[in-house]
């Protein structure tokens, strides 16, 4: 293998994105170590000769010191995802999303890791009026979840050095099918409801929501992993596909699921509207998403039809908040 970054350590690698990213890395010949609490099951990633699965907590610094040594790159995906999950237990969210971050970066650097890739969030921008929100714009995070994401970006930037390449990804909302399925993000919610109830409730409708197909999200991580360090050192990249309104997303799902699916508009107080530009990663690294939002909806529809997502309206495995309430993580 020509890529010198062969041994990859992924925090949260048994999560929604990780469960698609890890098999792809393994297929390409990488050795992969996954550190994850395995809250959503230990079977989301298939066994592989080049895979080491560690059930553990990123707050356990002794475990990090013991297991990160010998890796070339860290991809940090682990976090309490999204605002509602975070607000369920703010102290837990802070301890995982913020307090554990700098020790993880320090331990990675001291262990000789060459590249650290951080999954931030496009929510760090807050609500902007501009059409194309790019990486040079000010951050105006509105919630603790997005504030801590922004704080971690600043922390990471301080550790950038010739021997330790740091890069931040600001993903749009990921959608589509994964072995560790989430059905609590907008496109996936709409598809699940349309499949079972033949009706979609659209709250508001004009708010813009940037999304990205999970296959494109995975490819973006691979592009950043392979890129020459001089192109990415200390850089930040938005990664999104389509800035559609909530109504347009619902109409896209309706076109996939069938014209008999009804759209029911409901007023909302949630007028958060996000729209991001992913031009920088296209210009610098040549990455352009190749999968559509309709394709993401279709993939979930196929999974539902094939029985891959049993009890998809009620099983807590698909809903972060329900799962966190159930296991009482602290």
C-alpha atoms as a PDB file:
ATOM      1  CA  UNK A   1       0.000   0.000   0.000  1.00  0.00           C
ATOM      2  CA  UNK A   2       1.386   3.392  -0.992  1.00  0.00           C
ATOM      3  CA  UNK A   3      -0.511   5.318   1.673  1.00  0.00           C
ATOM      4  CA  UNK A   4       1.807   5.683   4.650  1.00  0.00           C
ATOM      5  CA  UNK A   5      -1.167   6.303   6.939  1.00  0.00           C
ATOM      6  CA  UNK A   6      -2.053   2.647   7.148  1.00  0.00           C
ATOM      7  CA  UNK A   7      -3.015   2.125  10.777  1.00  0.00           C
ATOM      8  CA  UNK A   8      -6.162   4.099  11.603  1.00  0.00           C
ATOM      9  CA  UNK A   9      -7.682   4.644  15.057  1.00  0.00           C
ATOM     10  CA  UNK A  10     -11.357   5.639  14.992  1.00  0.00           C
ATOM     11  CA  UNK A  11     -13.226   6.870  18.038  1.00  0.00           C
ATOM     12  CA  UNK A  12     -16.953   6.245  17.687  1.00  0.00           C
ATOM     13  CA  UNK A  13     -16.232   3.804  14.875  1.00  0.00           C
ATOM     14  CA  UNK A  14     -19.315   1.706  15.667  1.00  0.00           C
ATOM     15  CA  UNK A  15     -21.600   4.715  15.193  1.00  0.00           C
ATOM     16  CA  UNK A  16     -23.745   5.752  12.246  1.00  0.00           C
ATOM     17  CA  UNK A  17     -20.920   6.981   9.979  1.00  0.00           C
ATOM     18  CA  UNK A  18     -18.243   4.742  11.458  1.00  0.00           C
ATOM     19  CA  UNK A  19     -20.193   1.584  10.611  1.00  0.00           C
ATOM     20  CA  UNK A  20     -19.874   2.500   6.911  1.00  0.00           C
ATOM     21  CA  UNK A  21     -16.389   4.047   7.097  1.00  0.00           C
ATOM     22  CA  UNK A  22     -14.663   1.160   8.876  1.00  0.00           C
ATOM     23  CA  UNK A  23     -15.540  -1.569   6.320  1.00  0.00           C
ATOM     24  CA  UNK A  24     -14.408   0.717   3.498  1.00  0.00           C
ATOM     25  CA  UNK A  25     -11.037   1.316   5.166  1.00  0.00           C
ATOM     26  CA  UNK A  26     -10.645  -2.423   5.746  1.00  0.00           C
ATOM     27  CA  UNK A  27     -11.498  -3.150   2.098  1.00  0.00           C
ATOM     28  CA  UNK A  28      -8.705  -0.787   1.100  1.00  0.00           C
ATOM     29  CA  UNK A  29      -6.163  -2.665   3.191  1.00  0.00           C
ATOM     30  CA  UNK A  30      -5.939  -0.464   6.267  1.00  0.00           C
ATOM     31  CA  UNK A  31      -5.521  -1.799   9.778  1.00  0.00           C
ATOM     32  CA  UNK A  32      -8.312  -0.256  11.853  1.00  0.00           C
ATOM     33  CA  UNK A  33      -8.835   0.061  15.603  1.00  0.00           C
ATOM     34  CA  UNK A  34     -12.289   1.130  16.770  1.00  0.00           C
ATOM     35  CA  UNK A  35     -12.886   2.571  20.237  1.00  0.00           C
ATOM     36  CA  UNK A  36     -16.583   2.790  21.002  1.00  0.00           C
ATOM     37  CA  UNK A  37     -19.015   2.385  23.886  1.00  0.00           C
ATOM     38  CA  UNK A  38     -20.990   0.015  21.615  1.00  0.00           C
ATOM     39  CA  UNK A  39     -24.254   1.545  22.848  1.00  0.00           C
ATOM     40  CA  UNK A  40     -26.050   0.448  19.703  1.00  0.00           C
ATOM     41  CA  UNK A  41     -24.781  -3.122  19.593  1.00  0.00           C
ATOM     42  CA  UNK A  42     -21.453  -4.849  19.070  1.00  0.00           C
ATOM     43  CA  UNK A  43     -22.518  -6.460  15.811  1.00  0.00           C
ATOM     44  CA  UNK A  44     -22.708  -3.365  13.599  1.00  0.00           C
ATOM     45  CA  UNK A  45     -19.198  -4.028  12.261  1.00  0.00           C
ATOM     46  CA  UNK A  46     -18.266  -7.473  10.978  1.00  0.00           C
ATOM     47  CA  UNK A  47     -15.137  -9.184  12.292  1.00  0.00           C
ATOM     48  CA  UNK A  48     -12.053  -8.785  10.102  1.00  0.00           C
ATOM     49  CA  UNK A  49      -8.430  -9.872  10.440  1.00  0.00           C
ATOM     50  CA  UNK A  50      -7.251  -6.237  10.259  1.00  0.00           C
ATOM     51  CA  UNK A  51      -9.854  -4.930  12.731  1.00  0.00           C
ATOM     52  CA  UNK A  52      -9.445  -4.414  16.476  1.00  0.00           C
ATOM     53  CA  UNK A  53     -12.642  -3.571  18.361  1.00  0.00           C
ATOM     54  CA  UNK A  54     -12.301  -1.989  21.790  1.00  0.00           C
ATOM     55  CA  UNK A  55     -15.376  -1.452  23.939  1.00  0.00           C
ATOM     56  CA  UNK A  56     -14.397   1.597  25.932  1.00  0.00           C
ATOM     57  CA  UNK A  57     -14.824   5.271  26.730  1.00  0.00           C
ATOM     58  CA  UNK A  58     -12.841   8.142  25.196  1.00  0.00           C
ATOM     59  CA  UNK A  59     -12.751   9.712  28.673  1.00  0.00           C
ATOM     60  CA  UNK A  60     -10.541   6.817  29.847  1.00  0.00           C
ATOM     61  CA  UNK A  61      -7.100   8.345  29.327  1.00  0.00           C
ATOM     62  CA  UNK A  62      -5.233   5.237  30.481  1.00  0.00           C
ATOM     63  CA  UNK A  63      -7.065   3.238  27.813  1.00  0.00           C
ATOM     64  CA  UNK A  64      -6.238   5.845  25.166  1.00  0.00           C
ATOM     65  CA  UNK A  65      -2.529   5.796  26.074  1.00  0.00           C
ATOM     66  CA  UNK A  66      -2.527   2.018  25.953  1.00  0.00           C
ATOM     67  CA  UNK A  67      -4.292   1.675  22.594  1.00  0.00           C
ATOM     68  CA  UNK A  68      -3.395   4.689  20.377  1.00  0.00           C
ATOM     69  CA  UNK A  69       0.345   4.020  20.211  1.00  0.00           C
ATOM     70  CA  UNK A  70       1.341   2.518  16.860  1.00  0.00           C
ATOM     71  CA  UNK A  71      -1.368   4.244  14.816  1.00  0.00           C
ATOM     72  CA  UNK A  72      -0.685   6.649  11.958  1.00  0.00           C
ATOM     73  CA  UNK A  73      -3.967   8.568  12.023  1.00  0.00           C
ATOM     74  CA  UNK A  74      -6.883   9.246  14.351  1.00  0.00           C
ATOM     75  CA  UNK A  75     -10.376   9.959  13.028  1.00  0.00           C
ATOM     76  CA  UNK A  76     -12.372  11.367  15.934  1.00  0.00           C
ATOM     77  CA  UNK A  77     -16.082  10.691  15.388  1.00  0.00           C
ATOM     78  CA  UNK A  78     -17.160   9.933  18.970  1.00  0.00           C
ATOM     79  CA  UNK A  79     -19.519  12.434  20.553  1.00  0.00           C
ATOM     80  CA  UNK A  80     -22.972  12.881  21.970  1.00  0.00           C
ATOM     81  CA  UNK A  81     -24.594  13.666  18.639  1.00  0.00           C
ATOM     82  CA  UNK A  82     -26.918  16.590  17.936  1.00  0.00           C
ATOM     83  CA  UNK A  83     -28.619  19.147  20.158  1.00  0.00           C
ATOM     84  CA  UNK A  84     -31.531  17.094  21.579  1.00  0.00           C
ATOM     85  CA  UNK A  85     -29.272  14.222  22.675  1.00  0.00           C
ATOM     86  CA  UNK A  86     -26.857  16.692  24.197  1.00  0.00           C
ATOM     87  CA  UNK A  87     -29.563  18.573  26.090  1.00  0.00           C
ATOM     88  CA  UNK A  88     -30.782  15.321  27.632  1.00  0.00           C
ATOM     89  CA  UNK A  89     -27.686  15.305  29.865  1.00  0.00           C
ATOM     90  CA  UNK A  90     -25.580  18.473  29.423  1.00  0.00           C
ATOM     91  CA  UNK A  91     -22.900  17.368  31.910  1.00  0.00           C
ATOM     92  CA  UNK A  92     -22.427  14.098  30.059  1.00  0.00           C
ATOM     93  CA  UNK A  93     -22.326  15.956  26.757  1.00  0.00           C
ATOM     94  CA  UNK A  94     -19.666  18.352  28.046  1.00  0.00           C
ATOM     95  CA  UNK A  95     -17.526  15.567  29.498  1.00  0.00           C
ATOM     96  CA  UNK A  96     -17.494  13.627  26.209  1.00  0.00           C
ATOM     97  CA  UNK A  97     -17.685  16.380  23.590  1.00  0.00           C
ATOM     98  CA  UNK A  98     -15.377  18.944  25.212  1.00  0.00           C
ATOM     99  CA  UNK A  99     -13.506  17.777  28.309  1.00  0.00           C
ATOM    100  CA  UNK A 100     -12.250  14.544  26.745  1.00  0.00           C
ATOM    101  CA  UNK A 101     -11.066  16.251  23.564  1.00  0.00           C
ATOM    102  CA  UNK A 102      -7.774  17.908  24.497  1.00  0.00           C
ATOM    103  CA  UNK A 103      -6.442  14.857  26.375  1.00  0.00           C
ATOM    104  CA  UNK A 104      -7.265  12.743  23.288  1.00  0.00           C
ATOM    105  CA  UNK A 105      -5.359  15.177  21.040  1.00  0.00           C
ATOM    106  CA  UNK A 106      -2.389  15.319  23.417  1.00  0.00           C
ATOM    107  CA  UNK A 107      -2.205  11.544  23.786  1.00  0.00           C
ATOM    108  CA  UNK A 108      -2.441  11.116  20.001  1.00  0.00           C
ATOM    109  CA  UNK A 109       0.385  13.593  19.408  1.00  0.00           C
ATOM    110  CA  UNK A 110       2.595  12.046  22.099  1.00  0.00           C
ATOM    111  CA  UNK A 111       1.938   8.572  20.672  1.00  0.00           C
ATOM    112  CA  UNK A 112       3.409   9.597  17.315  1.00  0.00           C
ATOM    113  CA  UNK A 113       0.135   9.873  15.389  1.00  0.00           C
ATOM    114  CA  UNK A 114       0.809  11.784  12.151  1.00  0.00           C
ATOM    115  CA  UNK A 115      -2.707  12.983  11.273  1.00  0.00           C
ATOM    116  CA  UNK A 116      -5.733  13.872  13.395  1.00  0.00           C
ATOM    117  CA  UNK A 117      -9.092  14.308  11.634  1.00  0.00           C
ATOM    118  CA  UNK A 118     -11.890  15.836  13.694  1.00  0.00           C
ATOM    119  CA  UNK A 119     -15.600  15.567  12.932  1.00  0.00           C
ATOM    120  CA  UNK A 120     -17.053  18.936  13.923  1.00  0.00           C
ATOM    121  CA  UNK A 121     -20.433  20.172  12.637  1.00  0.00           C
ATOM    122  CA  UNK A 122     -21.800  22.722  10.198  1.00  0.00           C
ATOM    123  CA  UNK A 123     -24.047  23.917  13.046  1.00  0.00           C
ATOM    124  CA  UNK A 124     -21.065  25.918  14.390  1.00  0.00           C
ATOM    125  CA  UNK A 125     -22.011  28.734  11.979  1.00  0.00           C
ATOM    126  CA  UNK A 126     -25.360  29.357  13.639  1.00  0.00           C
ATOM    127  CA  UNK A 127     -28.027  31.004  11.503  1.00  0.00           C
ATOM    128  CA  UNK A 128     -26.601  32.970   8.566  1.00  0.00           C
ATOM    129  CA  UNK A 129     -28.411  35.060   5.999  1.00  0.00           C
ATOM    130  CA  UNK A 130     -25.770  34.501   3.324  1.00  0.00           C
ATOM    131  CA  UNK A 131     -26.503  31.954   0.606  1.00  0.00           C
ATOM    132  CA  UNK A 132     -23.122  30.200   0.685  1.00  0.00           C
ATOM    133  CA  UNK A 133     -21.713  29.858   4.162  1.00  0.00           C
ATOM    134  CA  UNK A 134     -18.003  29.143   3.821  1.00  0.00           C
ATOM    135  CA  UNK A 135     -15.176  28.231   6.174  1.00  0.00           C
ATOM    136  CA  UNK A 136     -13.898  31.800   6.449  1.00  0.00           C
ATOM    137  CA  UNK A 137     -17.069  33.077   8.083  1.00  0.00           C
ATOM    138  CA  UNK A 138     -17.484  33.814  11.785  1.00  0.00           C
ATOM    139  CA  UNK A 139     -18.824  31.099  14.056  1.00  0.00           C
ATOM    140  CA  UNK A 140     -22.017  31.891  15.949  1.00  0.00           C
ATOM    141  CA  UNK A 141     -23.004  28.588  17.575  1.00  0.00           C
ATOM    142  CA  UNK A 142     -26.432  28.689  19.179  1.00  0.00           C
ATOM    143  CA  UNK A 143     -26.327  25.652  21.484  1.00  0.00           C
ATOM    144  CA  UNK A 144     -23.852  24.037  23.869  1.00  0.00           C
ATOM    145  CA  UNK A 145     -23.473  21.163  21.407  1.00  0.00           C
ATOM    146  CA  UNK A 146     -22.298  23.453  18.621  1.00  0.00           C
ATOM    147  CA  UNK A 147     -20.338  25.744  20.996  1.00  0.00           C
ATOM    148  CA  UNK A 148     -18.275  22.804  22.203  1.00  0.00           C
ATOM    149  CA  UNK A 149     -17.711  21.673  18.614  1.00  0.00           C
ATOM    150  CA  UNK A 150     -16.332  25.147  17.865  1.00  0.00           C
ATOM    151  CA  UNK A 151     -14.203  25.098  21.043  1.00  0.00           C
ATOM    152  CA  UNK A 152     -12.662  21.777  20.033  1.00  0.00           C
ATOM    153  CA  UNK A 153     -11.760  23.170  16.605  1.00  0.00           C
ATOM    154  CA  UNK A 154      -9.769  25.939  18.309  1.00  0.00           C
ATOM    155  CA  UNK A 155      -8.074  23.471  20.655  1.00  0.00           C
ATOM    156  CA  UNK A 156      -7.066  21.233  17.744  1.00  0.00           C
ATOM    157  CA  UNK A 157      -5.631  24.141  15.771  1.00  0.00           C
ATOM    158  CA  UNK A 158      -3.151  24.822  18.595  1.00  0.00           C
ATOM    159  CA  UNK A 159      -1.618  21.370  18.210  1.00  0.00           C
ATOM    160  CA  UNK A 160      -0.937  21.649  14.472  1.00  0.00           C
ATOM    161  CA  UNK A 161       2.777  21.009  13.797  1.00  0.00           C
ATOM    162  CA  UNK A 162       4.998  19.659  10.992  1.00  0.00           C
ATOM    163  CA  UNK A 163       4.837  16.218  12.632  1.00  0.00           C
ATOM    164  CA  UNK A 164       1.156  16.347  13.615  1.00  0.00           C
ATOM    165  CA  UNK A 165      -1.262  17.312  10.848  1.00  0.00           C
ATOM    166  CA  UNK A 166      -4.667  18.431  12.094  1.00  0.00           C
ATOM    167  CA  UNK A 167      -7.788  18.883   9.972  1.00  0.00           C
ATOM    168  CA  UNK A 168     -11.416  19.648  10.829  1.00  0.00           C
ATOM    169  CA  UNK A 169     -14.460  18.477   8.879  1.00  0.00           C
ATOM    170  CA  UNK A 170     -17.775  20.317   9.273  1.00  0.00           C
ATOM    171  CA  UNK A 171     -20.354  17.854   7.974  1.00  0.00           C
ATOM    172  CA  UNK A 172     -23.876  18.646   6.914  1.00  0.00           C
ATOM    173  CA  UNK A 173     -26.573  16.330   8.300  1.00  0.00           C
ATOM    174  CA  UNK A 174     -25.742  12.808   7.183  1.00  0.00           C
ATOM    175  CA  UNK A 175     -28.496  10.673   5.668  1.00  0.00           C
ATOM    176  CA  UNK A 176     -28.906   7.211   4.192  1.00  0.00           C
ATOM    177  CA  UNK A 177     -28.527   3.587   5.267  1.00  0.00           C
ATOM    178  CA  UNK A 178     -25.942   2.266   7.723  1.00  0.00           C
ATOM    179  CA  UNK A 179     -25.611  -1.007   9.644  1.00  0.00           C
ATOM    180  CA  UNK A 180     -25.905   1.276  12.719  1.00  0.00           C
ATOM    181  CA  UNK A 181     -28.962   3.075  11.482  1.00  0.00           C
ATOM    182  CA  UNK A 182     -30.146   6.445  12.737  1.00  0.00           C
ATOM    183  CA  UNK A 183     -33.785   7.325  12.137  1.00  0.00           C
ATOM    184  CA  UNK A 184     -33.700  10.600  14.085  1.00  0.00           C
ATOM    185  CA  UNK A 185     -32.210  12.866  11.391  1.00  0.00           C
ATOM    186  CA  UNK A 186     -34.409  14.699   8.932  1.00  0.00           C
ATOM    187  CA  UNK A 187     -34.241  12.699   5.654  1.00  0.00           C
ATOM    188  CA  UNK A 188     -34.219   9.387   7.509  1.00  0.00           C
ATOM    189  CA  UNK A 189     -37.149  10.464   9.725  1.00  0.00           C
ATOM    190  CA  UNK A 190     -39.225  11.501   6.710  1.00  0.00           C
ATOM    191  CA  UNK A 191     -38.465   8.264   4.853  1.00  0.00           C
ATOM    192  CA  UNK A 192     -39.341   6.061   7.832  1.00  0.00           C
ATOM    193  CA  UNK A 193     -42.642   7.875   8.424  1.00  0.00           C
ATOM    194  CA  UNK A 194     -43.549   7.849   4.745  1.00  0.00           C
ATOM    195  CA  UNK A 195     -42.893   4.108   4.533  1.00  0.00           C
ATOM    196  CA  UNK A 196     -45.093   3.171   7.487  1.00  0.00           C
ATOM    197  CA  UNK A 197     -47.701   5.913   7.729  1.00  0.00           C
ATOM    198  CA  UNK A 198     -47.850   7.132   4.108  1.00  0.00           C
ATOM    199  CA  UNK A 199     -47.836  10.613   5.575  1.00  0.00           C
ATOM    200  CA  UNK A 200     -45.098  13.141   6.311  1.00  0.00           C
ATOM    201  CA  UNK A 201     -45.457  16.046   8.725  1.00  0.00           C
ATOM    202  CA  UNK A 202     -43.468  19.048   7.554  1.00  0.00           C
ATOM    203  CA  UNK A 203     -42.698  21.414  10.427  1.00  0.00           C
ATOM    204  CA  UNK A 204     -42.414  24.855   8.884  1.00  0.00           C
ATOM    205  CA  UNK A 205     -40.908  24.072   5.508  1.00  0.00           C
ATOM    206  CA  UNK A 206     -38.847  27.036   4.396  1.00  0.00           C
ATOM    207  CA  UNK A 207     -35.868  26.354   6.683  1.00  0.00           C
ATOM    208  CA  UNK A 208     -32.835  25.156   4.757  1.00  0.00           C
ATOM    209  CA  UNK A 209     -31.108  21.974   5.856  1.00  0.00           C
ATOM    210  CA  UNK A 210     -27.800  20.929   4.282  1.00  0.00           C
ATOM    211  CA  UNK A 211     -27.524  17.150   3.972  1.00  0.00           C
ATOM    212  CA  UNK A 212     -24.986  14.659   2.691  1.00  0.00           C
ATOM    213  CA  UNK A 213     -25.333  11.025   1.671  1.00  0.00           C
ATOM    214  CA  UNK A 214     -23.465   8.745   4.073  1.00  0.00           C
ATOM    215  CA  UNK A 215     -21.391   7.259   1.221  1.00  0.00           C
ATOM    216  CA  UNK A 216     -20.158  10.742   0.314  1.00  0.00           C
ATOM    217  CA  UNK A 217     -19.411  11.493   3.965  1.00  0.00           C
ATOM    218  CA  UNK A 218     -17.237   8.383   4.140  1.00  0.00           C
ATOM    219  CA  UNK A 219     -15.482   9.300   0.901  1.00  0.00           C
ATOM    220  CA  UNK A 220     -14.718  12.764   2.289  1.00  0.00           C
ATOM    221  CA  UNK A 221     -12.882  11.209   5.235  1.00  0.00           C
ATOM    222  CA  UNK A 222     -10.913   8.999   2.845  1.00  0.00           C
ATOM    223  CA  UNK A 223      -9.981  12.002   0.691  1.00  0.00           C
ATOM    224  CA  UNK A 224      -8.702  13.896   3.739  1.00  0.00           C
ATOM    225  CA  UNK A 225      -6.843  10.812   4.956  1.00  0.00           C
ATOM    226  CA  UNK A 226      -5.044  10.443   1.599  1.00  0.00           C
ATOM    227  CA  UNK A 227      -4.409  14.128   0.868  1.00  0.00           C
ATOM    228  CA  UNK A 228      -0.836  15.508   0.995  1.00  0.00           C
ATOM    229  CA  UNK A 229      -0.369  17.169   4.358  1.00  0.00           C
ATOM    230  CA  UNK A 230       0.588  20.516   2.824  1.00  0.00           C
ATOM    231  CA  UNK A 231      -2.922  20.747   1.335  1.00  0.00           C
ATOM    232  CA  UNK A 232      -4.802  20.056   4.558  1.00  0.00           C
ATOM    233  CA  UNK A 233      -2.581  20.993   7.507  1.00  0.00           C
ATOM    234  CA  UNK A 234      -4.632  23.092   9.913  1.00  0.00           C
ATOM    235  CA  UNK A 235      -7.487  23.367   7.403  1.00  0.00           C
ATOM    236  CA  UNK A 236     -11.242  23.243   7.898  1.00  0.00           C
ATOM    237  CA  UNK A 237     -13.619  21.814   5.290  1.00  0.00           C
ATOM    238  CA  UNK A 238     -17.395  21.987   4.980  1.00  0.00           C
ATOM    239  CA  UNK A 239     -18.841  18.769   3.564  1.00  0.00           C
ATOM    240  CA  UNK A 240     -22.405  18.850   2.246  1.00  0.00           C
ATOM    241  CA  UNK A 241     -24.371  17.982  -0.882  1.00  0.00           C
ATOM    242  CA  UNK A 242     -27.630  19.839  -1.229  1.00  0.00           C
ATOM    243  CA  UNK A 243     -29.015  22.824   0.677  1.00  0.00           C
ATOM    244  CA  UNK A 244     -32.694  21.967   0.368  1.00  0.00           C
ATOM    245  CA  UNK A 245     -35.549  23.383   2.386  1.00  0.00           C
ATOM    246  CA  UNK A 246     -37.398  21.054   4.737  1.00  0.00           C
ATOM    247  CA  UNK A 247     -40.330  21.115   2.297  1.00  0.00           C
ATOM    248  CA  UNK A 248     -38.052  20.223  -0.626  1.00  0.00           C
ATOM    249  CA  UNK A 249     -36.582  17.360   1.384  1.00  0.00           C
ATOM    250  CA  UNK A 250     -40.097  16.097   2.099  1.00  0.00           C
ATOM    251  CA  UNK A 251     -40.983  16.343  -1.595  1.00  0.00           C
ATOM    252  CA  UNK A 252     -37.807  14.444  -2.501  1.00  0.00           C
ATOM    253  CA  UNK A 253     -38.752  11.673  -0.072  1.00  0.00           C
ATOM    254  CA  UNK A 254     -42.334  11.693  -1.414  1.00  0.00           C
ATOM    255  CA  UNK A 255     -41.018  11.206  -4.967  1.00  0.00           C
ATOM    256  CA  UNK A 256     -39.074   8.140  -3.787  1.00  0.00           C
ATOM    257  CA  UNK A 257     -41.768   6.637  -1.568  1.00  0.00           C
ATOM    258  CA  UNK A 258     -44.802   7.144  -3.820  1.00  0.00           C
ATOM    259  CA  UNK A 259     -47.277   9.844  -4.738  1.00  0.00           C
ATOM    260  CA  UNK A 260     -49.822   8.385  -2.300  1.00  0.00           C
ATOM    261  CA  UNK A 261     -47.671   9.756   0.549  1.00  0.00           C
ATOM    262  CA  UNK A 262     -49.342  12.885   1.932  1.00  0.00           C
ATOM    263  CA  UNK A 263     -47.447  15.992   2.993  1.00  0.00           C
ATOM    264  CA  UNK A 264     -48.969  17.738   6.004  1.00  0.00           C
ATOM    265  CA  UNK A 265     -47.576  21.201   6.787  1.00  0.00           C
ATOM    266  CA  UNK A 266     -47.418  22.221  10.458  1.00  0.00           C
ATOM    267  CA  UNK A 267     -46.212  25.565  11.858  1.00  0.00           C
ATOM    268  CA  UNK A 268     -43.044  25.491  13.970  1.00  0.00           C
ATOM    269  CA  UNK A 269     -41.048  27.766  16.248  1.00  0.00           C
ATOM    270  CA  UNK A 270     -37.847  26.123  15.020  1.00  0.00           C
ATOM    271  CA  UNK A 271     -36.754  28.465  12.264  1.00  0.00           C
ATOM    272  CA  UNK A 272     -33.077  27.459  12.286  1.00  0.00           C
ATOM    273  CA  UNK A 273     -31.907  27.592   8.701  1.00  0.00           C
ATOM    274  CA  UNK A 274     -28.484  26.398   7.569  1.00  0.00           C
ATOM    275  CA  UNK A 275     -26.902  26.550   4.132  1.00  0.00           C
ATOM    276  CA  UNK A 276     -23.262  25.732   3.579  1.00  0.00           C
ATOM    277  CA  UNK A 277     -20.835  25.908   0.679  1.00  0.00           C
ATOM    278  CA  UNK A 278     -18.598  22.900   0.037  1.00  0.00           C
ATOM    279  CA  UNK A 279     -16.588  24.665  -2.666  1.00  0.00           C
ATOM    280  CA  UNK A 280     -13.333  24.691  -0.692  1.00  0.00           C
ATOM    281  CA  UNK A 281     -12.975  20.899  -0.464  1.00  0.00           C
ATOM    282  CA  UNK A 282     -13.842  20.702  -4.178  1.00  0.00           C
ATOM    283  CA  UNK A 283     -11.210  23.287  -5.109  1.00  0.00           C
ATOM    284  CA  UNK A 284      -8.405  22.095  -2.819  1.00  0.00           C
ATOM    285  CA  UNK A 285      -8.932  18.326  -2.787  1.00  0.00           C
ATOM    286  CA  UNK A 286     -11.129  17.673  -5.809  1.00  0.00           C
ATOM    287  CA  UNK A 287     -13.916  16.189  -3.674  1.00  0.00           C
ATOM    288  CA  UNK A 288     -17.414  16.561  -5.122  1.00  0.00           C
ATOM    289  CA  UNK A 289     -20.289  14.477  -3.694  1.00  0.00           C
ATOM    290  CA  UNK A 290     -21.692  11.949  -6.140  1.00  0.00           C
ATOM    291  CA  UNK A 291     -24.780  10.676  -4.287  1.00  0.00           C
ATOM    292  CA  UNK A 292     -28.158  12.407  -4.013  1.00  0.00           C
ATOM    293  CA  UNK A 293     -30.604  12.895  -1.159  1.00  0.00           C
ATOM    294  CA  UNK A 294     -33.154  10.878  -3.165  1.00  0.00           C
ATOM    295  CA  UNK A 295     -30.644   8.024  -3.252  1.00  0.00           C
ATOM    296  CA  UNK A 296     -30.283   8.163   0.545  1.00  0.00           C
ATOM    297  CA  UNK A 297     -34.052   7.916   0.929  1.00  0.00           C
ATOM    298  CA  UNK A 298     -34.173   5.059  -1.593  1.00  0.00           C
ATOM    299  CA  UNK A 299     -31.472   3.151   0.309  1.00  0.00           C
ATOM    300  CA  UNK A 300     -33.496   3.331   3.524  1.00  0.00           C
ATOM    301  CA  UNK A 301     -36.667   2.336   1.672  1.00  0.00           C
ATOM    302  CA  UNK A 302     -34.844  -0.735   0.317  1.00  0.00           C
ATOM    303  CA  UNK A 303     -33.524  -1.603   3.779  1.00  0.00           C
ATOM    304  CA  UNK A 304     -37.041  -1.339   5.216  1.00  0.00           C
ATOM    305  CA  UNK A 305     -38.453  -3.531   2.442  1.00  0.00           C
ATOM    306  CA  UNK A 306     -35.740  -6.132   3.023  1.00  0.00           C
ATOM    307  CA  UNK A 307     -36.447  -6.295   6.759  1.00  0.00           C
ATOM    308  CA  UNK A 308     -33.051  -4.873   7.703  1.00  0.00           C
ATOM    309  CA  UNK A 309     -34.619  -2.295  10.055  1.00  0.00           C
ATOM    310  CA  UNK A 310     -37.191  -4.204  12.148  1.00  0.00           C
ATOM    311  CA  UNK A 311     -39.537  -2.193  14.383  1.00  0.00           C
ATOM    312  CA  UNK A 312     -38.192   0.998  12.839  1.00  0.00           C
ATOM    313  CA  UNK A 313     -40.813   3.271  14.425  1.00  0.00           C
ATOM    314  CA  UNK A 314     -40.186   2.083  17.972  1.00  0.00           C
ATOM    315  CA  UNK A 315     -36.837   0.309  18.445  1.00  0.00           C
ATOM    316  CA  UNK A 316     -34.617   2.583  20.551  1.00  0.00           C
ATOM    317  CA  UNK A 317     -31.493   1.485  18.634  1.00  0.00           C
ATOM    318  CA  UNK A 318     -32.440   3.903  15.857  1.00  0.00           C
ATOM    319  CA  UNK A 319     -33.051   6.900  18.122  1.00  0.00           C
ATOM    320  CA  UNK A 320     -30.150   8.375  20.075  1.00  0.00           C
ATOM    321  CA  UNK A 321     -32.251  10.005  22.784  1.00  0.00           C
ATOM    322  CA  UNK A 322     -34.305   6.895  23.497  1.00  0.00           C
ATOM    323  CA  UNK A 323     -31.148   4.803  23.729  1.00  0.00           C
ATOM    324  CA  UNK A 324     -29.359   7.228  26.030  1.00  0.00           C
ATOM    325  CA  UNK A 325     -32.392   7.406  28.324  1.00  0.00           C
ATOM    326  CA  UNK A 326     -32.577   3.638  28.396  1.00  0.00           C
ATOM    327  CA  UNK A 327     -28.966   2.856  29.285  1.00  0.00           C
ATOM    328  CA  UNK A 328     -28.531   5.859  31.594  1.00  0.00           C
ATOM    329  CA  UNK A 329     -25.044   6.637  30.359  1.00  0.00           C
ATOM    330  CA  UNK A 330     -23.091   8.935  32.674  1.00  0.00           C
END
